[in-house]
Amino acid sequence: MRVSKRALLAVGASAVIGLSSAAIAQTKKSTEATTVGEGEALMLHPKGAVHKSATKVTSAQHEAAVKKGAREIKPGAVIYKQGGKLYLLEDNANEKASQSFQNNFDVDY
């Protein structure tokens, strides 16, 4: 059976694409864990698990939470765990919070 040049080129190109895709996957710094839609809630468990509520937050629950101290988290905020404790780093007047961790993520805001 004779193999055409076109077939050999197609196989070679596929192999190169596959190898370059594997190289890109290996250099990826972060992955999108989830998204948070309107009314959805996330809870960070002390052991590190992230739970997403199956029910929506109502306006009454939101108002009650704000009265108890809930506040807006700025875009680009970073939550991380160190020494068994969870930390939240937000923007300040001079610097984006994520700048301290930018080498850990593939995205910027």
Protein backbone atom coordinates (compact mmCIF):
# COMPACT_ATOMS: atom_id res chain seq x y z
CA MET A 1 0.00 0.00 0.00
CA ARG A 2 1.38 3.35 -1.00
CA VAL A 3 1.19 6.24 1.50
CA SER A 4 0.82 9.67 -0.05
CA LYS A 5 2.91 12.69 0.92
CA ARG A 6 -0.28 14.41 2.02
CA ALA A 7 -1.10 11.64 4.47
CA LEU A 8 2.42 11.71 5.91
CA LEU A 9 2.26 15.50 6.28
CA ALA A 10 -1.14 15.25 7.99
CA VAL A 11 0.16 12.67 10.47
CA GLY A 12 3.30 14.74 11.11
CA ALA A 13 1.29 17.93 11.62
CA SER A 14 -1.05 16.14 14.02
CA ALA A 15 1.90 14.88 16.04
CA VAL A 16 3.42 18.38 16.25
CA ILE A 17 0.08 19.88 17.31
CA GLY A 18 -0.38 17.16 19.92
CA LEU A 19 3.10 17.70 21.33
CA SER A 20 2.71 21.49 21.45
CA SER A 21 -0.67 21.12 23.17
CA ALA A 22 0.93 18.85 25.77
CA ALA A 23 3.70 21.41 26.32
CA ILE A 24 1.15 24.19 26.80
CA ALA A 25 -0.83 22.08 29.28
CA GLN A 26 2.32 21.41 31.29
CA THR A 27 3.15 25.12 31.58
CA LYS A 28 -0.34 26.16 32.65
CA LYS A 29 -0.21 28.01 35.99
CA SER A 30 -3.89 28.01 36.95
CA THR A 31 -7.28 26.56 36.12
CA GLU A 32 -10.75 28.00 36.40
CA ALA A 33 -12.23 26.23 39.42
CA THR A 34 -15.80 27.45 39.08
CA THR A 35 -17.89 30.48 38.30
CA VAL A 36 -20.22 32.36 40.63
CA GLY A 37 -23.50 33.42 39.12
CA GLU A 38 -26.05 35.87 40.52
CA GLY A 39 -27.38 34.59 43.83
CA GLU A 40 -24.91 31.70 44.05
CA ALA A 41 -22.77 31.20 47.15
CA LEU A 42 -19.38 29.60 47.76
CA MET A 43 -18.09 28.38 51.11
CA LEU A 44 -14.42 27.72 51.81
CA HIS A 45 -14.13 24.80 54.20
CA PRO A 46 -11.29 25.00 56.75
CA LYS A 47 -9.85 21.77 55.30
CA GLY A 48 -9.57 23.46 51.90
CA ALA A 49 -12.64 22.21 50.02
CA VAL A 50 -14.74 24.75 48.13
CA HIS A 51 -18.49 24.14 48.26
CA LYS A 52 -21.00 25.75 45.91
CA SER A 53 -24.55 26.09 47.19
CA ALA A 54 -27.28 24.41 45.17
CA THR A 55 -29.78 27.10 46.18
CA LYS A 56 -29.76 30.83 45.48
CA VAL A 57 -29.15 33.55 48.08
CA THR A 58 -32.35 35.55 48.55
CA SER A 59 -32.50 39.33 48.87
CA ALA A 60 -33.50 38.92 52.53
CA GLN A 61 -30.48 36.68 53.21
CA HIS A 62 -28.21 39.20 51.47
CA GLU A 63 -29.59 42.12 53.48
CA ALA A 64 -29.19 40.18 56.73
CA ALA A 65 -25.61 39.26 55.82
CA VAL A 66 -24.73 42.89 55.06
CA LYS A 67 -26.15 43.93 58.44
CA LYS A 68 -23.85 41.33 60.04
CA GLY A 69 -20.78 42.71 58.25
CA ALA A 70 -20.76 41.16 54.78
CA ARG A 71 -19.01 43.45 52.31
CA GLU A 72 -18.13 43.51 48.65
CA ILE A 73 -14.93 41.73 47.64
CA LYS A 74 -13.03 43.70 45.02
CA PRO A 75 -12.19 42.15 41.62
CA GLY A 76 -8.81 40.44 41.62
CA ALA A 77 -8.96 39.51 45.31
CA VAL A 78 -6.89 36.45 46.17
CA ILE A 79 -7.84 33.79 48.72
CA TYR A 80 -5.09 31.43 49.77
CA LYS A 81 -4.22 28.97 52.51
CA GLN A 82 -0.97 29.08 54.45
CA GLY A 83 -0.10 27.36 57.72
CA GLY A 84 -3.57 25.83 57.94
CA LYS A 85 -5.30 29.25 57.80
CA LEU A 86 -7.26 30.92 54.99
CA TYR A 87 -6.29 34.46 53.96
CA LEU A 88 -7.93 37.11 51.78
CA LEU A 89 -5.79 39.70 50.01
CA GLU A 90 -7.56 42.62 48.32
CA ASP A 91 -6.47 45.68 46.39
CA ASN A 92 -5.22 48.66 48.30
CA ALA A 93 -4.76 52.23 47.05
CA ASN A 94 -1.32 51.54 45.60
CA GLU A 95 -1.32 47.97 44.33
CA LYS A 96 -3.54 45.26 42.86
CA ALA A 97 -3.82 42.35 45.28
CA SER A 98 -3.17 39.85 42.53
CA GLN A 99 0.21 41.44 41.71
CA SER A 100 1.65 39.64 44.73
CA PHE A 101 0.51 36.33 43.21
CA GLN A 102 0.50 37.10 39.47
CA ASN A 103 3.12 34.44 38.74
CA ASN A 104 0.63 31.87 40.11
CA PHE A 105 -2.14 32.69 37.60
CA ASP A 106 -2.59 32.66 33.82
CA VAL A 107 -5.08 35.55 33.88
CA ASP A 108 -4.98 39.19 34.88
CA TYR A 109 -7.84 41.55 35.50
